[in-house]
Amino acid sequence: MGITGYVSSSSSKETAVERRGSEPRAFDTAESRVGPGDDALVIRRKPIPEPGPNPRSPRSGATHHDALDVELEEIHNLLDQGLSSEAESRCRRLIKAARSDESLIAKARCALSKSLEMRGRYRESLDAVAMYEAPESRANLDLDASNCIRVQIGLAYNYTGDHPKAIALLNSALRGAGEDGADTQAGWVYVALARVYRNINEYTIARDYAQNALERFRHSGDWRGLADSYFAIGLAEMFEGNYEQSLEHLHQALNLIGGDRPAPYLQGKIYTNMAGCCWFLKRPQEGIGHLEKAIGYYERTEHKANATDGYNNLGETLILVGDWERAQRALERALALASEIDERGAKVPMPSTPSPSC
């Protein structure tokens, strides 16, 4: 059976969220709901401050900037939660509110590009950051913003199919990060290179870049970077047929996220790929458990196509073990979700064997 068995999620081409009924905090001023009925997720958020400092306060400029930095971190939390539509709208407001802060605007555009990438809007994702491709356009950016932009441009070209350009841009970014010696900045370039080489089926090279990323993030302690590095290593091992090693690295990614850093978008993908490893290791009962966890995480995001794939994979695995009734329920749920996604829902493919979620 080939590695192309498991159904990949639609994003693979990869806030504070509270359940209704929890106590609102004093500063909550707005909310939106994701999902149907009583199980809907409620996203409570503070509004972005009105642009411009209060002229009566000498420290209002610093306070305004600090508030916008907090807003950017909340947007990153939204992306972790898989709530990319909410992240997109808040990115657009943040870009307007940031006014003349060029570095903050660039970072917001990076987040905007990622939110579009997560929903498969790859051309728009590139358009969100393409104006920074020329070196002179980044002249006034700080190092973090410049590196973020260069990495995201490289990934955007990767997802629009221009892999040679993506590799060239990322190698250039890596040279720049190496000169400045910033572990976190170099780490994200290595993660991006691993993703590009994985997309062109160069899994050994992808694993080497992911290992380099891991070493950099071990120095900086960036939990998102560490989790992404272990995830990338796990994927490379899986694609090369090293399923036990893949499971070890995917477990490490889960441990780094932990219970205090809810990131269901990535957690769902990790469990999906753990189930894929179990499929090839002929351990279907273990795979069923991983798929059920993956579905639980996907259902907490707005990316229902991922949940659709999860239910489809679960149904196929339940058929394998002869649990026909549960398999039918899972497959019916996959079809129901597919019809809810959008006009393309009826065209969601339902292959006969389960694929990795990258």
Foldseek 3Di string as FASTA:
>chain_A
DAQAFADAAPLQLAADKDQPPDDDDPQFDDWDWFDDDNRTIIHTDHDQDAADFDVVDPCRVVVNVVSLVVLLVNLVLCVLLQALVVSLVSLVVSLVRVPPQVLSNLSSLLSNLVSCSRNVNLVVSLVSLVVPPDPVSCPPYDLVSNLSSLLSNLLSCLSVPNLVVSVVSLVVSLVVCVVVVQLQSNLSSLLSVLSSCVNVVNLVSSLVSLVSSCVSCVVVVDLVSNLSSLQSNLVSCVNVPNLVSSLVSLVVSDVSCDDVNRRLRVLLLSLQVNLSSCVVVVNLVSSLVSLVSSLVSVSSHNSLSSNLSSLLQNLLSCVVVPVNVSSVVSNVVSLVSLVVNDPCSVVDDRDNGRHHHD
